[in-house]
């Protein structure tokens, strides 16, 4: 999965404490009707490889910049996602 230049993929990255889950933000990713809405991709580790297992698209908010900041719980089961302009989202 690739994104266009300027999506800022990797601007923020979070790694779980057990080092098996990684979240990668792309806060400038565009969607139909939502410029710079943003997204977060979740990866799981399999030996030396990292595989995408989920993508969370930001809300359809113009310049919402979902994925500006990220944090994962120790076991990777809870994800906190910050958007640049005063919004935070929690996923379990």
N, C-alpha and C. Protein backbone atom coordinates (compact mmCIF):
# COMPACT_ATOMS: atom_id res chain seq x y z
N UNK A 1 0.84 -1.17 0.00
CA UNK A 1 0.00 0.00 0.00
C UNK A 1 0.88 1.24 0.00
N UNK A 2 0.72 2.07 -0.97
CA UNK A 2 1.49 3.29 -1.06
C UNK A 2 0.56 4.49 -1.04
N UNK A 3 1.11 5.59 -0.64
CA UNK A 3 0.36 6.84 -0.63
C UNK A 3 1.10 7.88 -1.43
N UNK A 4 0.38 8.87 -1.83
CA UNK A 4 0.96 9.96 -2.63
C UNK A 4 1.95 10.76 -1.78
N UNK A 5 2.91 11.36 -2.45
CA UNK A 5 3.82 12.26 -1.76
C UNK A 5 3.02 13.34 -1.06
N UNK A 6 3.47 13.72 0.10
CA UNK A 6 2.79 14.77 0.82
C UNK A 6 1.76 14.29 1.83
N UNK A 7 1.50 12.97 1.89
CA UNK A 7 0.56 12.44 2.88
C UNK A 7 1.14 12.47 4.28
N UNK A 8 2.46 12.64 4.38
CA UNK A 8 3.19 12.66 5.65
C UNK A 8 3.13 11.31 6.38
N UNK A 9 3.09 10.22 5.60
CA UNK A 9 3.12 8.88 6.19
C UNK A 9 4.39 8.73 7.02
N UNK A 10 4.23 8.37 8.29
CA UNK A 10 5.37 8.20 9.18
C UNK A 10 5.73 9.42 9.99
N UNK A 11 4.93 10.49 9.87
CA UNK A 11 5.20 11.69 10.68
C UNK A 11 5.24 11.33 12.15
N UNK A 12 4.28 10.51 12.59
CA UNK A 12 4.32 9.98 13.94
C UNK A 12 4.16 8.47 13.87
N UNK A 13 4.91 7.78 14.72
CA UNK A 13 4.90 6.32 14.80
C UNK A 13 4.84 5.95 16.26
N UNK A 14 4.03 4.93 16.59
CA UNK A 14 3.97 4.42 17.96
C UNK A 14 4.23 2.92 17.93
N UNK A 15 5.01 2.45 18.88
CA UNK A 15 5.32 1.03 19.00
C UNK A 15 4.83 0.56 20.36
N UNK A 16 4.12 -0.56 20.37
CA UNK A 16 3.64 -1.10 21.65
C UNK A 16 4.83 -1.51 22.51
N UNK A 17 4.61 -1.57 23.81
CA UNK A 17 5.67 -1.94 24.74
C UNK A 17 6.23 -3.32 24.51
N UNK A 18 5.40 -4.24 23.99
CA UNK A 18 5.88 -5.59 23.71
C UNK A 18 6.51 -5.68 22.32
N UNK A 19 6.56 -4.58 21.58
CA UNK A 19 7.20 -4.46 20.26
C UNK A 19 6.58 -5.35 19.19
N UNK A 20 5.29 -5.68 19.33
CA UNK A 20 4.62 -6.51 18.33
C UNK A 20 3.60 -5.76 17.49
N UNK A 21 3.27 -4.54 17.88
CA UNK A 21 2.28 -3.75 17.15
C UNK A 21 2.86 -2.35 16.93
N UNK A 22 2.65 -1.84 15.71
CA UNK A 22 3.13 -0.51 15.38
C UNK A 22 2.00 0.26 14.70
N UNK A 23 1.84 1.52 15.07
CA UNK A 23 0.87 2.42 14.44
C UNK A 23 1.66 3.49 13.69
N UNK A 24 1.25 3.76 12.45
CA UNK A 24 1.92 4.76 11.62
C UNK A 24 0.87 5.73 11.09
N UNK A 25 1.06 7.01 11.34
CA UNK A 25 0.10 8.02 10.91
C UNK A 25 0.47 8.65 9.58
N UNK A 26 -0.54 9.08 8.85
CA UNK A 26 -0.38 9.84 7.60
C UNK A 26 -1.41 10.97 7.67
N UNK A 27 -1.09 12.01 8.40
CA UNK A 27 -2.08 13.04 8.73
C UNK A 27 -2.56 13.88 7.54
N UNK A 28 -1.86 13.86 6.43
CA UNK A 28 -2.29 14.65 5.27
C UNK A 28 -2.93 13.81 4.17
N UNK A 29 -3.29 12.56 4.47
CA UNK A 29 -3.94 11.71 3.46
C UNK A 29 -5.30 12.28 3.10
N UNK A 30 -5.61 12.26 1.81
CA UNK A 30 -6.88 12.80 1.30
C UNK A 30 -7.88 11.68 1.03
N UNK A 31 -9.14 12.01 1.20
CA UNK A 31 -10.26 11.13 0.84
C UNK A 31 -11.26 11.96 0.08
N UNK A 32 -12.17 11.31 -0.60
CA UNK A 32 -13.21 12.03 -1.35
C UNK A 32 -13.94 12.97 -0.40
N UNK A 33 -13.91 14.24 -0.71
CA UNK A 33 -14.61 15.23 0.09
C UNK A 33 -13.91 15.68 1.35
N UNK A 34 -12.69 15.18 1.60
CA UNK A 34 -12.00 15.54 2.84
C UNK A 34 -10.51 15.66 2.59
N UNK A 35 -10.07 16.84 2.22
CA UNK A 35 -8.65 17.10 2.02
C UNK A 35 -7.92 17.04 3.36
N UNK A 36 -6.80 16.33 3.40
CA UNK A 36 -5.98 16.19 4.60
C UNK A 36 -6.75 15.65 5.80
N UNK A 37 -7.63 14.69 5.56
CA UNK A 37 -8.38 14.06 6.65
C UNK A 37 -7.48 13.19 7.51
N UNK A 38 -6.54 12.46 6.89
CA UNK A 38 -5.58 11.64 7.61
C UNK A 38 -6.01 10.20 7.78
N UNK A 39 -5.04 9.36 8.13
CA UNK A 39 -5.29 7.94 8.39
C UNK A 39 -4.20 7.40 9.29
N UNK A 40 -4.47 6.20 9.84
CA UNK A 40 -3.49 5.47 10.64
C UNK A 40 -3.48 4.04 10.16
N UNK A 41 -2.29 3.49 9.97
CA UNK A 41 -2.15 2.08 9.62
C UNK A 41 -1.57 1.34 10.82
N UNK A 42 -2.14 0.16 11.10
CA UNK A 42 -1.65 -0.70 12.17
C UNK A 42 -0.92 -1.89 11.55
N UNK A 43 0.25 -2.17 12.08
CA UNK A 43 1.09 -3.27 11.60
C UNK A 43 1.33 -4.25 12.74
N UNK A 44 1.43 -5.53 12.41
CA UNK A 44 1.82 -6.54 13.39
C UNK A 44 3.15 -7.15 12.95
N UNK A 45 3.93 -7.51 13.92
CA UNK A 45 5.26 -8.07 13.65
C UNK A 45 5.16 -9.58 13.53
N UNK A 46 5.82 -10.11 12.51
CA UNK A 46 5.91 -11.55 12.29
C UNK A 46 7.38 -11.85 12.03
N UNK A 47 8.10 -12.16 13.08
CA UNK A 47 9.55 -12.34 12.95
C UNK A 47 10.20 -11.01 12.63
N UNK A 48 10.82 -10.93 11.46
CA UNK A 48 11.47 -9.69 11.03
C UNK A 48 10.57 -8.85 10.13
N UNK A 49 9.39 -9.34 9.79
CA UNK A 49 8.47 -8.65 8.88
C UNK A 49 7.38 -7.91 9.64
N UNK A 50 6.92 -6.81 9.04
CA UNK A 50 5.79 -6.05 9.55
C UNK A 50 4.70 -6.08 8.49
N UNK A 51 3.49 -6.46 8.90
CA UNK A 51 2.36 -6.58 7.97
C UNK A 51 1.20 -5.71 8.42
N UNK A 52 0.61 -4.98 7.47
CA UNK A 52 -0.57 -4.16 7.77
C UNK A 52 -1.72 -5.09 8.10
N UNK A 53 -2.38 -4.85 9.23
CA UNK A 53 -3.57 -5.63 9.54
C UNK A 53 -4.82 -4.77 9.65
N UNK A 54 -4.65 -3.45 9.69
CA UNK A 54 -5.82 -2.58 9.73
C UNK A 54 -5.42 -1.16 9.33
N UNK A 55 -6.35 -0.49 8.65
CA UNK A 55 -6.19 0.93 8.35
C UNK A 55 -7.42 1.64 8.87
N UNK A 56 -7.20 2.72 9.60
CA UNK A 56 -8.29 3.52 10.14
C UNK A 56 -8.24 4.87 9.43
N UNK A 57 -9.26 5.17 8.66
CA UNK A 57 -9.35 6.46 8.00
C UNK A 57 -9.91 7.49 8.96
N UNK A 58 -9.39 8.68 8.88
CA UNK A 58 -9.89 9.76 9.73
C UNK A 58 -11.30 10.14 9.34
N UNK A 59 -11.99 10.85 10.21
CA UNK A 59 -13.34 11.32 9.88
C UNK A 59 -13.29 12.24 8.66
N UNK A 60 -14.38 12.35 7.96
CA UNK A 60 -14.46 13.21 6.77
C UNK A 60 -14.50 14.68 7.19
N UNK A 61 -13.37 15.13 7.70
CA UNK A 61 -13.24 16.51 8.17
C UNK A 61 -12.15 17.17 7.35
N UNK A 62 -12.49 18.25 6.68
CA UNK A 62 -11.54 19.00 5.89
C UNK A 62 -10.40 19.49 6.79
N UNK A 63 -9.17 19.11 6.48
CA UNK A 63 -7.98 19.43 7.27
C UNK A 63 -8.07 18.94 8.71
N UNK A 64 -8.71 17.79 8.93
CA UNK A 64 -8.80 17.22 10.28
C UNK A 64 -7.47 16.72 10.81
N UNK A 65 -6.61 16.27 9.91
CA UNK A 65 -5.26 15.80 10.23
C UNK A 65 -5.24 14.72 11.31
N UNK A 66 -6.12 13.74 11.14
CA UNK A 66 -6.16 12.53 11.97
C UNK A 66 -4.83 11.80 11.82
N UNK A 67 -4.22 11.39 12.92
CA UNK A 67 -2.94 10.70 12.88
C UNK A 67 -1.76 11.60 13.16
N UNK A 68 -2.03 12.83 13.58
CA UNK A 68 -0.98 13.80 13.91
C UNK A 68 -0.11 13.27 15.05
N UNK A 69 -0.75 12.62 16.04
CA UNK A 69 -0.02 12.01 17.14
C UNK A 69 -0.63 10.65 17.47
N UNK A 70 0.19 9.75 17.98
CA UNK A 70 -0.23 8.37 18.22
C UNK A 70 0.36 7.84 19.52
N UNK A 71 -0.36 6.91 20.14
CA UNK A 71 0.17 6.19 21.29
C UNK A 71 -0.51 4.83 21.35
N UNK A 72 0.24 3.81 21.72
CA UNK A 72 -0.27 2.45 21.86
C UNK A 72 -0.06 1.96 23.29
N UNK A 73 -0.99 1.15 23.77
CA UNK A 73 -0.81 0.51 25.08
C UNK A 73 0.33 -0.51 24.99
N UNK A 74 0.75 -1.01 26.14
CA UNK A 74 1.87 -1.95 26.18
C UNK A 74 1.64 -3.16 25.29
N UNK A 75 0.42 -3.73 25.32
CA UNK A 75 0.15 -4.92 24.52
C UNK A 75 -0.43 -4.62 23.15
N UNK A 76 -0.55 -3.34 22.80
CA UNK A 76 -1.04 -2.94 21.48
C UNK A 76 -2.54 -3.04 21.30
N UNK A 77 -3.28 -3.31 22.37
CA UNK A 77 -4.73 -3.49 22.25
C UNK A 77 -5.51 -2.18 22.27
N UNK A 78 -4.88 -1.09 22.70
CA UNK A 78 -5.55 0.21 22.74
C UNK A 78 -4.69 1.24 22.02
N UNK A 79 -5.34 1.99 21.14
CA UNK A 79 -4.66 3.01 20.33
C UNK A 79 -5.30 4.36 20.61
N UNK A 80 -4.48 5.36 20.86
CA UNK A 80 -4.94 6.74 20.98
C UNK A 80 -4.42 7.49 19.77
N UNK A 81 -5.32 8.20 19.09
CA UNK A 81 -4.97 8.97 17.89
C UNK A 81 -5.35 10.42 18.11
N UNK A 82 -4.39 11.30 17.89
CA UNK A 82 -4.66 12.73 17.98
C UNK A 82 -4.80 13.33 16.60
N UNK A 83 -5.70 14.30 16.50
CA UNK A 83 -5.84 15.10 15.29
C UNK A 83 -5.27 16.48 15.62
N UNK A 84 -4.76 17.17 14.64
CA UNK A 84 -4.03 18.40 14.92
C UNK A 84 -4.88 19.46 15.60
N UNK A 85 -6.13 19.56 15.28
CA UNK A 85 -6.94 20.65 15.80
C UNK A 85 -7.93 20.17 16.86
N UNK A 86 -7.38 19.80 18.02
CA UNK A 86 -8.16 19.57 19.24
C UNK A 86 -9.14 18.42 19.16
N UNK A 87 -8.71 17.26 18.72
CA UNK A 87 -9.55 16.08 18.74
C UNK A 87 -8.68 14.88 19.07
N UNK A 88 -9.24 13.94 19.82
CA UNK A 88 -8.54 12.71 20.15
C UNK A 88 -9.52 11.55 20.03
N UNK A 89 -9.03 10.40 19.63
CA UNK A 89 -9.85 9.22 19.39
C UNK A 89 -9.17 8.04 20.07
N UNK A 90 -9.97 7.17 20.69
CA UNK A 90 -9.46 5.98 21.36
C UNK A 90 -10.09 4.76 20.70
N UNK A 91 -9.26 3.77 20.38
CA UNK A 91 -9.71 2.52 19.77
C UNK A 91 -9.19 1.35 20.59
N UNK A 92 -10.06 0.36 20.82
CA UNK A 92 -9.65 -0.85 21.55
C UNK A 92 -9.82 -2.05 20.64
